[in-house]
Protein backbone atom coordinates (compact mmCIF):
# COMPACT_ATOMS: atom_id res chain seq x y z
CA MET A 1 -58.24 106.30 -58.00
CA GLY A 2 -61.78 106.95 -58.90
CA SER A 3 -64.64 104.52 -58.49
CA LEU A 4 -65.18 101.80 -61.15
CA THR A 5 -67.81 102.37 -63.73
CA ALA A 6 -70.49 99.69 -63.95
CA LYS A 7 -68.97 98.42 -67.22
CA SER A 8 -65.41 98.22 -65.87
CA ALA A 9 -66.63 96.52 -62.71
CA TRP A 10 -68.43 93.91 -64.81
CA ILE A 11 -65.28 93.30 -66.89
CA LEU A 12 -63.16 92.90 -63.74
CA ALA A 13 -65.68 90.44 -62.24
CA ALA A 14 -65.71 88.45 -65.50
CA ILE A 15 -61.91 88.23 -65.49
CA LEU A 16 -61.84 87.06 -61.89
CA LEU A 17 -64.66 84.50 -62.46
CA GLY A 18 -62.98 83.32 -65.65
CA ALA A 19 -59.82 82.60 -63.70
CA THR A 20 -61.82 80.51 -61.27
CA TRP A 21 -63.82 78.69 -63.91
CA GLY A 22 -60.70 77.97 -65.95
CA ARG A 23 -58.84 76.25 -63.10
CA VAL A 24 -58.74 72.44 -63.56
CA ASP A 25 -58.47 70.24 -60.47
CA ALA A 26 -56.12 67.25 -60.49
CA LEU A 27 -57.44 64.13 -62.16
CA SER A 28 -58.41 61.12 -60.13
CA LEU A 29 -58.37 57.43 -61.09
CA THR A 30 -61.85 55.94 -60.95
CA ARG A 31 -60.64 52.61 -62.28
CA TYR A 32 -57.09 51.41 -61.69
CA PRO A 33 -55.06 50.20 -64.75
CA SER A 34 -55.72 46.67 -66.05
CA LEU A 35 -53.96 44.58 -68.70
CA TRP A 36 -55.53 43.22 -71.93
CA LEU A 37 -54.66 41.61 -75.29
CA GLN A 38 -51.27 40.34 -74.34
CA THR A 39 -49.02 39.13 -77.19
CA PRO A 40 -45.24 38.48 -77.43
CA THR A 41 -44.70 42.04 -78.63
CA SER A 42 -47.60 44.13 -77.31
CA ILE A 43 -50.15 44.71 -74.56
CA LEU A 44 -53.14 47.01 -73.99
CA ILE A 45 -53.31 49.01 -70.71
CA ALA A 46 -56.69 50.52 -69.77
CA TRP A 47 -57.82 52.79 -66.96
CA GLN A 48 -60.57 55.31 -66.15
CA THR A 49 -60.50 58.90 -64.87
CA ASP A 50 -63.15 61.18 -63.46
CA ILE A 51 -62.35 63.96 -65.98
CA ALA A 52 -61.81 63.62 -69.72
CA ALA A 53 -58.08 63.81 -70.48
CA THR A 54 -55.32 62.50 -72.66
CA GLY A 55 -53.71 59.18 -71.86
CA LYS A 56 -50.09 58.12 -71.73
CA VAL A 57 -48.20 55.04 -70.65
CA LEU A 58 -44.55 55.47 -69.62
CA HIS A 59 -42.82 52.05 -69.74
CA GLY A 60 -39.48 50.35 -69.87
CA PRO A 61 -37.48 47.26 -68.78
CA THR A 62 -36.31 49.05 -65.56
CA PRO A 63 -38.01 51.44 -63.11
CA ALA A 64 -36.28 54.27 -65.05
CA LEU A 65 -38.90 53.59 -67.83
CA GLY A 66 -37.79 55.72 -70.82
CA LEU A 67 -40.45 54.79 -73.39
CA GLU A 68 -43.95 56.09 -73.88
CA ALA A 69 -47.19 55.24 -75.70
CA THR A 70 -50.37 57.33 -76.00
CA HIS A 71 -53.94 57.15 -77.13
CA ALA A 72 -55.61 59.65 -79.44
CA GLY A 73 -57.97 62.32 -78.15
CA SER A 74 -59.33 63.10 -74.68
CA SER A 75 -61.51 60.68 -72.74
CA THR A 76 -62.44 59.35 -69.33
CA GLU A 77 -62.01 55.81 -70.76
CA HIS A 78 -58.34 55.23 -71.53
CA ALA A 79 -56.90 52.33 -73.56
CA VAL A 80 -53.32 52.56 -74.71
CA PRO A 81 -51.68 49.89 -76.89
CA VAL A 82 -48.03 49.40 -75.97
CA VAL A 83 -46.19 47.89 -78.96
CA GLY A 84 -42.69 47.04 -80.14
CA LEU A 85 -41.89 44.98 -77.03
CA SER A 86 -39.62 41.96 -76.56
CA SER A 87 -41.24 38.60 -75.96
CA ALA A 88 -41.28 36.94 -72.49
CA SER A 89 -39.94 40.13 -70.95
CA GLU A 90 -40.95 42.16 -67.88
CA TYR A 91 -41.68 45.88 -68.15
CA TYR A 92 -42.44 48.55 -65.53
CA TYR A 93 -45.10 51.09 -66.33
CA ARG A 94 -46.74 54.29 -65.10
CA VAL A 95 -49.94 55.89 -66.39
CA VAL A 96 -50.38 59.63 -66.96
CA SER A 97 -53.45 61.66 -67.97
CA ASP A 98 -52.87 65.25 -69.10
CA SER A 99 -50.10 66.41 -66.77
CA ASP A 100 -51.18 64.22 -63.83
CA THR A 101 -49.14 61.17 -62.91
CA LEU A 102 -51.71 58.61 -61.73
CA THR A 103 -49.59 55.62 -60.66
CA ASP A 104 -46.16 55.40 -59.10
CA GLY A 105 -44.40 53.28 -61.72
CA SER A 106 -44.06 50.14 -59.57
CA ASP A 107 -46.58 48.16 -61.61
CA THR A 108 -45.17 45.58 -64.05
CA PHE A 109 -46.41 43.37 -66.89
CA ARG A 110 -44.82 40.53 -68.80
CA THR A 111 -45.25 39.88 -72.52
CA ALA A 112 -46.26 36.46 -73.78
CA PRO A 113 -43.52 34.05 -74.85
CA SER A 114 -42.88 33.58 -78.54
CA THR A 115 -41.54 30.00 -77.94
CA VAL A 116 -42.70 27.14 -75.78
CA GLU A 117 -42.33 27.99 -72.09
CA PRO A 118 -43.94 26.60 -68.93
CA PHE A 119 -46.76 28.77 -67.62
CA ARG A 120 -49.63 28.88 -65.18
CA PHE A 121 -53.22 29.91 -65.80
CA LEU A 122 -56.19 30.11 -63.46
CA ALA A 123 -59.83 29.30 -64.15
CA PHE A 124 -62.80 30.51 -62.09
CA GLY A 125 -66.30 31.91 -62.45
CA ASP A 126 -69.59 33.03 -60.84
CA LEU A 127 -68.10 35.81 -58.83
CA GLY A 128 -69.10 39.48 -59.06
CA ARG A 129 -71.21 40.46 -56.04
CA ALA A 130 -68.39 41.80 -53.80
CA THR A 131 -69.12 39.15 -51.14
CA PRO A 132 -66.58 38.41 -48.44
CA GLU A 133 -65.99 35.07 -50.19
CA GLN A 134 -65.19 36.75 -53.52
CA ILE A 135 -62.74 39.04 -51.77
CA GLN A 136 -61.10 35.99 -50.08
CA ILE A 137 -60.79 34.08 -53.33
CA ALA A 138 -59.44 37.21 -55.05
CA ALA A 139 -56.75 37.48 -52.43
CA ARG A 140 -55.88 33.76 -52.95
CA ILE A 141 -55.81 34.34 -56.77
CA ASP A 142 -53.28 37.14 -56.25
CA THR A 143 -50.91 34.81 -54.34
CA LEU A 144 -50.74 32.16 -57.08
CA ASN A 145 -48.39 33.97 -59.47
CA ALA A 146 -50.30 33.08 -62.66
CA ASP A 147 -49.44 34.30 -66.13
CA LEU A 148 -53.12 34.71 -67.14
CA ALA A 149 -56.62 33.74 -66.11
CA ILE A 150 -59.75 32.53 -67.89
CA LEU A 151 -63.18 33.34 -66.36
CA THR A 152 -66.23 31.10 -66.96
CA GLY A 153 -68.95 33.76 -66.87
CA ASP A 154 -71.37 35.47 -64.46
CA ILE A 155 -68.88 38.22 -63.90
CA ILE A 156 -71.33 40.84 -62.59
CA TYR A 157 -74.42 40.10 -60.50
CA GLU A 158 -77.30 40.54 -60.59
CA ALA A 159 -77.66 41.58 -64.18
CA GLY A 160 -74.38 42.89 -65.64
CA GLU A 161 -75.20 46.48 -64.74
CA ALA A 162 -72.62 49.04 -65.81
CA ALA A 163 -72.49 50.66 -62.36
CA ASN A 164 -71.37 47.37 -60.78
CA PHE A 165 -68.24 46.71 -62.82
CA THR A 166 -65.84 48.88 -60.84
CA PRO A 167 -66.91 47.94 -57.26
CA GLN A 168 -67.66 44.26 -57.98
CA TYR A 169 -64.82 43.46 -60.36
CA PHE A 170 -62.16 46.05 -61.08
CA ASP A 171 -61.66 47.12 -57.40
CA ILE A 172 -61.60 43.55 -56.11
CA TYR A 173 -59.04 42.19 -58.58
CA ARG A 174 -57.13 45.46 -58.78
CA PRO A 175 -53.62 44.20 -57.74
CA THR A 176 -53.80 41.15 -60.01
CA ILE A 177 -55.23 42.62 -63.19
CA ALA A 178 -52.66 45.41 -63.07
CA ARG A 179 -50.02 42.79 -63.87
CA VAL A 180 -51.85 39.75 -65.30
CA PRO A 181 -54.42 39.67 -68.17
CA PHE A 182 -57.81 38.07 -67.51
CA TYR A 183 -59.84 36.65 -70.44
CA LEU A 184 -63.56 36.39 -69.83
CA SER A 185 -66.62 34.57 -71.21
CA LEU A 186 -70.25 35.72 -70.97
CA GLY A 187 -72.64 34.27 -68.42
CA ASN A 188 -76.39 34.51 -68.23
CA HIS A 189 -76.30 37.26 -65.57
CA ASP A 190 -73.89 39.28 -67.74
CA VAL A 191 -76.28 39.41 -70.70
CA ALA A 192 -79.29 40.42 -68.61
CA THR A 193 -78.64 44.14 -69.23
CA LEU A 194 -78.74 45.22 -72.90
CA ASN A 195 -77.58 41.77 -74.02
CA GLY A 196 -74.23 42.24 -72.34
CA GLN A 197 -73.33 45.66 -73.73
CA PRO A 198 -71.90 46.92 -70.37
CA TYR A 199 -69.63 43.85 -70.33
CA LEU A 200 -68.46 44.59 -73.88
CA ASP A 201 -67.88 48.23 -72.97
CA ALA A 202 -65.92 47.41 -69.80
CA PHE A 203 -63.49 44.81 -71.18
CA HIS A 204 -61.00 44.66 -74.02
CA LEU A 205 -61.06 41.12 -75.49
CA PRO A 206 -59.94 39.54 -78.76
CA SER A 207 -62.44 39.76 -81.64
CA ASN A 208 -61.01 37.27 -84.14
CA ASN A 209 -64.21 35.81 -85.41
CA PRO A 210 -66.02 36.68 -88.68
CA ALA A 211 -68.52 38.89 -86.88
CA GLY A 212 -65.69 40.88 -85.24
CA THR A 213 -67.36 40.51 -81.85
CA GLU A 214 -65.81 40.02 -78.43
CA ARG A 215 -68.59 37.60 -77.47
CA TYR A 216 -66.48 34.62 -78.53
CA TYR A 217 -62.81 34.46 -79.58
CA SER A 218 -59.55 32.61 -79.31
CA PHE A 219 -55.92 33.35 -78.49
CA ASP A 220 -52.60 31.52 -78.09
CA TYR A 221 -50.14 31.43 -75.19
CA SER A 222 -46.92 29.40 -75.34
CA ASN A 223 -47.90 25.93 -76.60
CA ALA A 224 -51.60 26.31 -75.77
CA HIS A 225 -54.66 27.46 -77.76
CA PHE A 226 -57.58 28.99 -75.77
CA VAL A 227 -61.14 29.44 -76.99
CA ALA A 228 -63.86 31.46 -75.23
CA LEU A 229 -67.47 30.72 -76.25
CA GLU A 230 -70.80 32.43 -75.55
CA VAL A 231 -72.94 29.70 -74.01
CA THR A 232 -75.64 31.02 -71.69
CA ILE A 233 -79.14 29.91 -70.79
CA GLU A 234 -80.33 32.59 -73.17
CA ASN A 235 -78.65 30.84 -76.13
CA ALA A 236 -78.89 27.26 -74.98
CA VAL A 237 -78.35 26.08 -78.56
CA PRO A 238 -75.01 27.59 -79.62
CA SER A 239 -75.37 29.47 -82.88
CA LEU A 240 -74.43 27.90 -86.19
CA ALA A 241 -72.09 30.82 -86.91
CA MET A 242 -70.18 30.29 -83.66
CA ARG A 243 -70.00 26.53 -84.17
CA THR A 244 -68.77 26.89 -87.70
CA TRP A 245 -66.09 29.33 -86.60
CA LEU A 246 -65.22 27.10 -83.60
CA ASP A 247 -64.64 24.03 -85.75
CA ALA A 248 -62.44 25.90 -88.19
CA ASP A 249 -60.52 27.70 -85.43
CA LEU A 250 -59.73 24.47 -83.60
CA ALA A 251 -58.82 22.65 -86.82
CA ALA A 252 -56.40 25.41 -87.75
CA SER A 253 -54.49 25.37 -84.47
CA THR A 254 -51.32 23.25 -84.21
CA ARG A 255 -50.66 24.13 -80.58
CA HIS A 256 -50.01 21.11 -78.35
CA TRP A 257 -52.85 21.94 -75.93
CA LYS A 258 -56.41 23.10 -76.62
CA PHE A 259 -58.50 24.59 -73.81
CA VAL A 260 -62.08 25.86 -74.13
CA PHE A 261 -64.02 27.93 -71.59
CA LEU A 262 -67.71 28.78 -71.46
CA HIS A 263 -70.56 29.26 -68.95
CA VAL A 264 -73.37 26.72 -69.00
CA PRO A 265 -71.85 23.23 -68.43
CA MET A 266 -72.07 20.39 -70.85
CA TYR A 267 -71.10 17.89 -68.08
CA SER A 268 -71.39 18.53 -64.36
CA ASN A 269 -72.67 17.18 -61.08
CA LEU A 270 -76.44 17.52 -61.38
CA GLY A 271 -76.96 19.82 -58.38
CA VAL A 272 -79.17 22.89 -58.91
CA HIS A 273 -78.67 23.75 -62.62
CA GLY A 274 -77.17 20.36 -63.55
CA ASP A 275 -75.68 20.00 -67.02
CA ASP A 276 -77.05 20.48 -70.50
CA PRO A 277 -77.37 17.57 -72.96
CA THR A 278 -78.42 19.92 -75.77
CA ILE A 279 -75.24 21.92 -75.51
CA ALA A 280 -73.19 18.68 -75.16
CA ALA A 281 -74.81 17.33 -78.37
CA SER A 282 -74.04 20.59 -80.17
CA LEU A 283 -70.45 21.18 -79.11
CA GLY A 284 -69.23 17.74 -78.03
CA PRO A 285 -68.66 16.33 -81.53
CA ILE A 286 -66.54 19.36 -82.40
CA PHE A 287 -64.44 19.01 -79.24
CA ASP A 288 -64.01 15.28 -79.89
CA ALA A 289 -63.01 15.68 -83.52
CA ARG A 290 -60.65 18.60 -82.91
CA ASP A 291 -58.73 17.14 -80.00
CA VAL A 292 -59.82 19.57 -77.27
CA ASP A 293 -58.06 18.60 -74.02
CA MET A 294 -60.06 20.36 -71.31
CA VAL A 295 -63.25 22.38 -71.15
CA PHE A 296 -63.79 24.85 -68.25
CA GLN A 297 -67.38 25.73 -67.27
CA GLY A 298 -69.32 27.71 -64.71
CA HIS A 299 -73.00 28.30 -63.87
CA ASN A 300 -73.04 25.75 -61.06
CA HIS A 301 -71.54 27.24 -57.89
CA PHE A 302 -69.30 24.31 -57.04
CA TYR A 303 -66.47 22.23 -58.43
CA THR A 304 -66.77 19.18 -60.69
CA ARG A 305 -64.07 17.36 -62.65
CA THR A 306 -65.11 14.58 -65.03
CA TYR A 307 -63.25 11.58 -66.38
CA PRO A 308 -62.28 12.01 -70.06
CA ILE A 309 -65.50 11.93 -72.13
CA VAL A 310 -65.87 11.27 -75.87
CA GLY A 311 -69.16 10.82 -77.64
CA GLY A 312 -70.91 11.18 -74.29
CA SER A 313 -69.02 8.20 -72.84
CA VAL A 314 -66.30 7.88 -70.26
CA VAL A 315 -62.92 6.64 -71.40
CA SER A 316 -59.63 6.01 -69.58
CA ALA A 317 -61.29 6.15 -66.12
CA SER A 318 -58.79 3.55 -64.88
CA GLN A 319 -55.99 6.13 -65.24
CA GLU A 320 -57.47 8.51 -62.73
CA PRO A 321 -55.93 10.86 -61.58
CA SER A 322 -52.85 10.65 -63.89
CA TYR A 323 -53.84 10.47 -67.53
CA LEU A 324 -51.65 9.55 -70.50
CA ASN A 325 -53.11 10.23 -73.97
CA PRO A 326 -56.77 9.74 -72.99
CA GLY A 327 -57.91 10.97 -76.38
CA ALA A 328 -60.95 12.78 -74.96
CA PRO A 329 -61.74 16.09 -73.24
CA ILE A 330 -61.94 16.42 -69.45
CA TYR A 331 -64.69 18.82 -68.26
CA VAL A 332 -64.22 21.04 -65.20
CA VAL A 333 -66.93 23.09 -63.50
CA THR A 334 -65.22 25.90 -61.60
CA GLY A 335 -68.03 28.14 -60.43
CA GLY A 336 -67.04 28.81 -56.83
CA ALA A 337 -65.31 32.21 -57.02
CA GLY A 338 -67.55 34.15 -54.65
CA ARG A 339 -71.25 33.89 -55.20
CA PHE A 340 -73.18 31.67 -52.76
CA LEU A 341 -72.60 27.93 -53.13
CA HIS A 342 -74.91 25.31 -54.61
CA GLY A 343 -75.51 21.86 -53.10
CA LEU A 344 -74.42 18.70 -54.82
CA ALA A 345 -76.64 15.88 -56.10
CA ALA A 346 -75.73 12.19 -56.20
CA PRO A 347 -72.66 11.67 -58.40
CA THR A 348 -73.04 10.77 -62.03
CA PRO A 349 -71.06 7.95 -63.64
CA TYR A 350 -68.81 10.43 -65.49
CA GLU A 351 -67.73 12.44 -62.39
CA ALA A 352 -64.21 11.91 -61.10
CA THR A 353 -64.88 14.23 -58.17
CA SER A 354 -67.11 17.10 -57.07
CA GLN A 355 -67.02 19.44 -54.08
CA SER A 356 -69.14 22.40 -53.08
CA THR A 357 -66.59 24.96 -51.84
CA PHE A 358 -65.30 28.39 -52.76
CA HIS A 359 -62.26 27.86 -54.94
CA VAL A 360 -60.02 28.66 -57.90
CA THR A 361 -58.61 26.11 -60.34
CA SER A 362 -54.88 26.38 -61.09
CA MET A 363 -53.32 24.82 -64.21
CA ASP A 364 -49.55 24.43 -64.68
CA VAL A 365 -48.59 23.78 -68.31
CA ALA A 366 -45.09 22.38 -68.78
CA GLY A 367 -44.41 20.95 -72.24
CA ILE A 368 -46.38 17.74 -72.77
CA THR A 369 -47.90 17.71 -69.24
CA VAL A 370 -50.49 19.84 -67.48
CA THR A 371 -51.13 19.68 -63.73
CA LEU A 372 -54.44 20.73 -62.26
CA GLN A 373 -54.93 21.84 -58.64
CA ALA A 374 -58.29 22.97 -57.22
CA ILE A 375 -57.54 25.34 -54.34
CA ASP A 376 -59.95 26.54 -51.68
CA ARG A 377 -59.91 29.99 -50.10
CA ASP A 378 -57.58 28.88 -47.29
CA GLY A 379 -55.02 27.59 -49.82
CA ASN A 380 -55.80 23.88 -49.39
CA VAL A 381 -55.58 21.71 -52.51
CA PHE A 382 -58.69 19.52 -52.54
CA ASP A 383 -58.32 18.02 -56.04
CA ALA A 384 -55.27 17.31 -58.19
CA MET A 385 -54.79 15.66 -61.58
CA THR A 386 -52.12 15.33 -64.33
CA LEU A 387 -52.68 15.03 -68.04
CA THR A 388 -49.89 14.06 -70.41
CA LYS A 389 -49.90 13.98 -74.22
CA ASP A 390 -46.68 12.53 -75.59
CA THR A 391 -47.43 13.20 -79.22
CA PRO A 392 -47.65 16.78 -80.63
CA VAL A 393 -51.02 17.60 -82.12
CA ALA A 394 -51.21 18.48 -85.77
CA VAL A 395 -54.34 19.63 -87.54
CA ALA A 396 -56.99 17.17 -86.41
CA PRO A 397 -58.77 14.84 -88.87
CA ASP A 398 -62.42 14.89 -89.51
CA ALA A 399 -64.57 12.87 -87.08
CA GLU A 400 -65.20 10.18 -89.69
CA GLU A 401 -61.47 9.69 -90.32
CA ARG A 402 -60.75 9.71 -86.60
CA HIS A 403 -63.13 6.83 -85.95
CA ALA A 404 -62.32 4.82 -89.08
CA SER A 405 -60.88 2.07 -86.88
CA SER A 406 -63.49 0.63 -84.55
CA ARG A 407 -63.02 1.01 -80.83
CA PHE A 408 -65.24 0.30 -77.89
CA SER A 409 -67.25 3.48 -77.33
CA ALA A 410 -70.79 4.74 -76.80
CA GLY A 411 -72.66 6.68 -79.44
CA HIS A 412 -75.52 9.14 -79.33
CA ALA A 413 -78.83 7.54 -78.47
CA SER A 414 -81.72 8.10 -80.90
CA PRO A 415 -84.18 9.65 -80.43
CA ASN A 416 -82.74 11.59 -77.49
CA PRO A 417 -84.76 13.10 -75.83
CA SER A 418 -87.45 10.47 -76.18
CA ASP A 419 -90.97 9.88 -74.91
CA GLY A 420 -91.03 6.21 -75.96
CA GLU A 421 -88.47 3.80 -77.31
CA THR A 422 -84.80 4.75 -77.56
CA GLU A 423 -82.02 3.14 -79.58
CA ILE A 424 -78.88 2.91 -77.47
CA ARG A 425 -75.99 3.04 -79.87
CA PHE A 426 -72.37 1.91 -79.35
CA THR A 427 -69.36 0.61 -81.23
CA LEU A 428 -67.43 -2.63 -80.54
CA ASP A 429 -63.82 -3.29 -81.47
CA ARG A 430 -64.35 -7.09 -81.48
CA THR A 431 -67.14 -9.66 -81.36
CA SER A 432 -68.56 -9.70 -77.86
CA SER A 433 -71.63 -10.25 -75.69
CA VAL A 434 -73.15 -7.07 -74.36
CA ARG A 435 -75.18 -6.12 -71.31
CA VAL A 436 -76.82 -2.71 -70.90
CA LYS A 437 -77.68 -1.42 -67.40
CA LEU A 438 -79.95 1.59 -67.07
CA PHE A 439 -79.63 3.89 -64.02
CA ASP A 440 -81.67 6.91 -63.01
CA VAL A 441 -80.13 10.21 -61.95
CA ALA A 442 -79.81 9.08 -58.31
CA GLY A 443 -77.73 6.04 -59.39
CA LYS A 444 -80.53 3.51 -58.87
CA LEU A 445 -80.60 0.52 -61.29
CA VAL A 446 -83.91 0.58 -63.15
CA ARG A 447 -83.47 -1.96 -65.96
CA VAL A 448 -81.01 -4.49 -67.38
CA LEU A 449 -81.04 -5.29 -71.13
CA ASP A 450 -79.44 -8.65 -72.08
CA PRO A 451 -79.33 -9.14 -75.85
CA PRO A 452 -79.30 -12.93 -76.46
CA THR A 453 -76.54 -13.06 -79.10
CA PRO A 454 -73.09 -11.49 -79.36
CA PHE A 455 -72.46 -8.41 -81.52
CA GLY A 456 -69.72 -8.20 -84.13
CA PRO A 457 -67.20 -5.32 -84.35
CA GLY A 458 -68.41 -1.97 -85.60
CA PRO A 459 -71.63 0.10 -84.93
CA CYS A 460 -74.29 -1.73 -82.80
CA ALA A 461 -77.51 -0.80 -81.05
CA VAL A 462 -79.86 -2.11 -78.30
CA ARG A 463 -83.42 -0.83 -78.06
CA TRP A 464 -84.98 0.24 -74.75
CA ASP A 465 -88.75 0.43 -74.73
CA GLY A 466 -88.74 3.14 -72.06
CA ARG A 467 -89.97 0.81 -69.33
CA MET A 468 -88.52 -0.05 -65.96
CA GLY A 469 -87.69 -3.56 -64.70
CA GLY A 470 -91.21 -4.10 -63.35
CA GLY A 471 -92.89 -3.06 -66.63
CA SER A 472 -93.97 0.42 -65.63
CA VAL A 473 -93.14 3.34 -67.87
CA ALA A 474 -90.00 5.15 -66.72
CA PRO A 475 -90.70 8.70 -65.56
CA ALA A 476 -89.31 11.75 -67.31
CA GLY A 477 -85.76 12.58 -66.36
CA LEU A 478 -82.09 11.86 -67.07
CA TYR A 479 -80.87 8.24 -67.30
CA PHE A 480 -77.51 6.64 -67.81
CA ALA A 481 -76.97 3.57 -69.96
CA ARG A 482 -73.90 1.57 -68.90
CA ILE A 483 -72.83 -0.62 -71.80
CA GLU A 484 -70.70 -3.56 -70.56
CA SER A 485 -68.59 -5.79 -72.81
CA GLY A 486 -65.75 -8.09 -72.01
CA GLY A 487 -65.07 -6.63 -68.58
CA ARG A 488 -65.16 -3.09 -69.95
CA ALA A 489 -67.85 -0.41 -69.76
CA VAL A 490 -68.81 2.86 -71.40
CA THR A 491 -71.71 5.16 -70.49
CA ALA A 492 -74.29 7.10 -72.53
CA ARG A 493 -76.89 9.60 -71.37
CA LEU A 494 -80.58 9.36 -72.17
CA LEU A 495 -83.25 12.06 -71.56
CA ARG A 496 -86.87 10.97 -71.25
CA VAL A 497 -89.69 13.46 -71.66
CA ARG A 498 -93.40 12.91 -71.17
């Protein structure tokens, strides 16, 4: 055979190189599958690959699978809706991209129930730094056999960077989120990069608000209604659009239980970040009027559980820790999922308990009763509480209708904050003498107000001139007004500025 001409040699080289260039290596998972948007008849399964490819989920009620679902096009970001499922049922699944089988088919998910069934959910926040403590709490979470989890923000430290989502979240919770959906709320660290766009890109959350955004949303599970809000230090006054939607959303729900989760706390032990009276004044009246049962919060890296609070005042404290129809939300700070811990301040009058420890909060919902357990990384239960509502909740009345019959309660002080006099407002259910004791944030008594004559039933008020018992002007800070009447007491918060 003669020697190759230059042209034929070039063609042969091109053919050989083309064969090399055209070979595609096997795909690799860069982010293991996770579950999202669970309903009684559907679920979304998402994963990530290193090379753009098609995506397919093989699934079925047995390991034999037999059914499949796909997404359109080719991508490294895969999200496959699996539909047409039976409620409250377990399914096995395997994910495939192009011709590569990426998981072994041993993963399972369960659809949501279409009727009332007992279930367990977890609540935790302030986590994503891949610390040893986060990894320990993640392992504890995986042992608790929950049906879902709600997260109270600060998912990715330091600033919600896109590069940190896989190593600081998806890798750490990999075995749990492959079988249990997590629902998240934005924290202030999460919005530090591009106003939270990497967070929105990484997660698949409901978007059932008028803006069609995943920044706040709601969903149902069994006999419970859940609401996630965007409440960060960047938007310390929740937007009117979100509050309007929140009120309508809660009013429309007829589920027996209503749970809300958000980041910056309305009520908390006052260590480090403390709580936020502005947010409490903005959202509290909606929660009170719409029969919210519990509010889960983060931001503070510890645990706090309050007594039931309505209108800024404690009610039903004598029932602690087993509550029957308290008629007011209980606020839980659960910010100990892995970031460093914060120290505690002196307890406030509305705290039932606080503890600075790494933890997760577990909630068992069984019909008309929920049971709370706060669990540390070693599996020890350090707080427990039960809450029972023996009457199903219909659409809640307006706040004015709800309070048409007078009851002993504290109102909102005015002005609040104040740099001078403040009117401490309250409501009496019968004619009674009243004494008002003012305490500073450390629990020290600073002034006693003794109105000389009894008050009749209905709205009442006592004025505080902003001075302490010795006549000096009270310094700026948070104060608590304990309103005592007939052997009973309610508490209001006052903020002084200078």
